[in-house]
Amino acid sequence: MGTLGGLMMQLKNQGMLLPDKYVRRTSSTIPFGYELSPVDGYLKPIPEELSILKEVSEAVNKNEISLGIGVDWLEAETGRKISRMGLKKHVDKVYGRLGKKSK
């Protein structure tokens, strides 16, 4: 019997483990920056979309751009739509609530 690390590598090579960064699907909605994966019940990340989402989210959080401009920017760059409320919920989750920052 080999080591645990060796066993994990063997399972990954045989396709029995998920690739890195896959996330469990928790609802019927597929979040921005992810797509359905061939593995049932999991979502595959789209690195380009997640990178742009991070850039836009940071700009919204710093009040450099509005939610509306952020939504338009995401759609122009990726071709995928997200609502203003969807972007706001994402920014709130990652950076804390918008409009409730201490000065």
C-alpha atoms as a PDB file:
ATOM      1  CA  MET A   1       0.000   0.000   0.000  1.00  0.00           C
ATOM      2  CA  GLY A   2       1.380   3.429  -0.994  1.00  0.00           C
ATOM      3  CA  THR A   3       1.127   6.726   0.751  1.00  0.00           C
ATOM      4  CA  LEU A   4      -2.056   8.791   0.916  1.00  0.00           C
ATOM      5  CA  GLY A   5      -0.559  11.330  -1.505  1.00  0.00           C
ATOM      6  CA  GLY A   6       0.212   8.550  -3.953  1.00  0.00           C
ATOM      7  CA  LEU A   7      -3.344   7.242  -3.671  1.00  0.00           C
ATOM      8  CA  MET A   8      -4.776  10.710  -4.314  1.00  0.00           C
ATOM      9  CA  MET A   9      -2.595  11.128  -7.418  1.00  0.00           C
ATOM     10  CA  GLN A  10      -3.664   7.715  -8.665  1.00  0.00           C
ATOM     11  CA  LEU A  11      -7.357   8.567  -8.221  1.00  0.00           C
ATOM     12  CA  LYS A  12      -6.897  11.934  -9.958  1.00  0.00           C
ATOM     13  CA  ASN A  13      -5.093  10.314 -12.884  1.00  0.00           C
ATOM     14  CA  GLN A  14      -7.950   7.845 -13.298  1.00  0.00           C
ATOM     15  CA  GLY A  15     -10.481  10.686 -13.386  1.00  0.00           C
ATOM     16  CA  MET A  16     -12.010   9.738 -10.057  1.00  0.00           C
ATOM     17  CA  LEU A  17     -11.229  13.087  -8.378  1.00  0.00           C
ATOM     18  CA  LEU A  18     -12.387  16.521  -9.411  1.00  0.00           C
ATOM     19  CA  PRO A  19      -9.958  18.859 -11.118  1.00  0.00           C
ATOM     20  CA  ASP A  20      -8.813  21.811  -8.998  1.00  0.00           C
ATOM     21  CA  LYS A  21     -11.140  24.794  -8.508  1.00  0.00           C
ATOM     22  CA  TYR A  22     -14.378  22.947  -9.348  1.00  0.00           C
ATOM     23  CA  VAL A  23     -17.227  23.932  -7.008  1.00  0.00           C
ATOM     24  CA  ARG A  24     -20.301  22.042  -5.903  1.00  0.00           C
ATOM     25  CA  ARG A  25     -23.520  23.135  -7.559  1.00  0.00           C
ATOM     26  CA  THR A  26     -25.927  24.405  -4.896  1.00  0.00           C
ATOM     27  CA  SER A  27     -28.833  25.790  -6.942  1.00  0.00           C
ATOM     28  CA  SER A  28     -30.415  25.698 -10.385  1.00  0.00           C
ATOM     29  CA  THR A  29     -28.736  29.016 -11.253  1.00  0.00           C
ATOM     30  CA  ILE A  30     -25.221  28.828 -12.627  1.00  0.00           C
ATOM     31  CA  PRO A  31     -23.145  31.659 -11.110  1.00  0.00           C
ATOM     32  CA  PHE A  32     -21.294  34.163 -13.275  1.00  0.00           C
ATOM     33  CA  GLY A  33     -17.821  32.836 -14.084  1.00  0.00           C
ATOM     34  CA  TYR A  34     -18.838  29.165 -14.035  1.00  0.00           C
ATOM     35  CA  GLU A  35     -20.269  26.615 -16.459  1.00  0.00           C
ATOM     36  CA  LEU A  36     -21.654  23.113 -16.136  1.00  0.00           C
ATOM     37  CA  SER A  37     -18.946  20.513 -15.796  1.00  0.00           C
ATOM     38  CA  PRO A  38     -18.947  16.976 -17.146  1.00  0.00           C
ATOM     39  CA  VAL A  39     -18.921  15.834 -13.499  1.00  0.00           C
ATOM     40  CA  ASP A  40     -22.491  15.630 -12.197  1.00  0.00           C
ATOM     41  CA  GLY A  41     -23.308  18.173  -9.486  1.00  0.00           C
ATOM     42  CA  TYR A  42     -20.231  20.363 -10.014  1.00  0.00           C
ATOM     43  CA  LEU A  43     -19.434  23.596 -11.835  1.00  0.00           C
ATOM     44  CA  LYS A  44     -16.297  24.305 -13.847  1.00  0.00           C
ATOM     45  CA  PRO A  45     -14.690  27.749 -13.391  1.00  0.00           C
ATOM     46  CA  ILE A  46     -14.074  30.021 -16.378  1.00  0.00           C
ATOM     47  CA  PRO A  47     -10.830  31.821 -15.391  1.00  0.00           C
ATOM     48  CA  GLU A  48     -11.210  34.705 -17.875  1.00  0.00           C
ATOM     49  CA  GLU A  49     -14.721  35.537 -16.610  1.00  0.00           C
ATOM     50  CA  LEU A  50     -13.709  35.250 -12.951  1.00  0.00           C
ATOM     51  CA  SER A  51     -10.766  37.586 -13.584  1.00  0.00           C
ATOM     52  CA  ILE A  52     -12.976  40.241 -15.210  1.00  0.00           C
ATOM     53  CA  LEU A  53     -15.608  39.815 -12.469  1.00  0.00           C
ATOM     54  CA  LYS A  54     -12.922  40.437  -9.831  1.00  0.00           C
ATOM     55  CA  GLU A  55     -11.684  43.559 -11.634  1.00  0.00           C
ATOM     56  CA  VAL A  56     -15.221  44.971 -12.000  1.00  0.00           C
ATOM     57  CA  SER A  57     -16.154  44.063  -8.412  1.00  0.00           C
ATOM     58  CA  GLU A  58     -13.109  45.882  -7.044  1.00  0.00           C
ATOM     59  CA  ALA A  59     -13.962  48.994  -9.093  1.00  0.00           C
ATOM     60  CA  VAL A  60     -17.590  48.930  -7.880  1.00  0.00           C
ATOM     61  CA  ASN A  61     -16.486  48.446  -4.284  1.00  0.00           C
ATOM     62  CA  LYS A  62     -14.121  51.436  -4.500  1.00  0.00           C
ATOM     63  CA  ASN A  63     -16.969  53.536  -6.032  1.00  0.00           C
ATOM     64  CA  GLU A  64     -14.910  54.025  -9.197  1.00  0.00           C
ATOM     65  CA  ILE A  65     -17.820  52.795 -11.326  1.00  0.00           C
ATOM     66  CA  SER A  66     -21.545  52.254 -10.774  1.00  0.00           C
ATOM     67  CA  LEU A  67     -23.296  48.891 -10.745  1.00  0.00           C
ATOM     68  CA  GLY A  68     -24.868  49.737 -14.122  1.00  0.00           C
ATOM     69  CA  ILE A  69     -21.497  50.442 -15.727  1.00  0.00           C
ATOM     70  CA  GLY A  70     -20.081  47.292 -14.126  1.00  0.00           C
ATOM     71  CA  VAL A  71     -22.903  45.169 -15.559  1.00  0.00           C
ATOM     72  CA  ASP A  72     -22.377  46.664 -19.031  1.00  0.00           C
ATOM     73  CA  TRP A  73     -18.612  46.118 -18.777  1.00  0.00           C
ATOM     74  CA  LEU A  74     -19.062  42.444 -17.835  1.00  0.00           C
ATOM     75  CA  GLU A  75     -21.483  41.836 -20.697  1.00  0.00           C
ATOM     76  CA  ALA A  76     -19.220  43.595 -23.222  1.00  0.00           C
ATOM     77  CA  GLU A  77     -16.157  41.604 -22.137  1.00  0.00           C
ATOM     78  CA  THR A  78     -17.717  38.162 -21.675  1.00  0.00           C
ATOM     79  CA  GLY A  79     -20.992  38.091 -23.612  1.00  0.00           C
ATOM     80  CA  ARG A  80     -22.769  36.872 -20.463  1.00  0.00           C
ATOM     81  CA  LYS A  81     -25.360  38.877 -18.591  1.00  0.00           C
ATOM     82  CA  ILE A  82     -25.608  39.604 -14.890  1.00  0.00           C
ATOM     83  CA  SER A  83     -28.169  41.852 -13.246  1.00  0.00           C
ATOM     84  CA  ARG A  84     -27.269  44.899 -11.185  1.00  0.00           C
ATOM     85  CA  MET A  85     -28.659  43.151  -8.126  1.00  0.00           C
ATOM     86  CA  GLY A  86     -26.622  40.034  -8.964  1.00  0.00           C
ATOM     87  CA  LEU A  87     -23.446  42.104  -9.179  1.00  0.00           C
ATOM     88  CA  LYS A  88     -24.348  43.934  -5.958  1.00  0.00           C
ATOM     89  CA  LYS A  89     -24.911  40.632  -4.129  1.00  0.00           C
ATOM     90  CA  HIS A  90     -21.536  39.370  -5.357  1.00  0.00           C
ATOM     91  CA  VAL A  91     -19.729  42.568  -4.262  1.00  0.00           C
ATOM     92  CA  ASP A  92     -21.522  42.507  -0.888  1.00  0.00           C
ATOM     93  CA  LYS A  93     -20.556  38.878  -0.337  1.00  0.00           C
ATOM     94  CA  VAL A  94     -16.899  39.392  -1.229  1.00  0.00           C
ATOM     95  CA  TYR A  95     -16.227  42.890   0.145  1.00  0.00           C
ATOM     96  CA  GLY A  96     -19.009  43.546   2.642  1.00  0.00           C
ATOM     97  CA  ARG A  97     -22.203  45.525   2.143  1.00  0.00           C
ATOM     98  CA  LEU A  98     -22.173  48.457  -0.288  1.00  0.00           C
ATOM     99  CA  GLY A  99     -23.340  51.709   1.259  1.00  0.00           C
ATOM    100  CA  LYS A 100     -22.537  50.521   4.812  1.00  0.00           C
ATOM    101  CA  LYS A 101     -18.827  51.323   4.827  1.00  0.00           C
ATOM    102  CA  SER A 102     -17.317  53.077   7.833  1.00  0.00           C
ATOM    103  CA  LYS A 103     -15.592  56.367   7.066  1.00  0.00           C
END
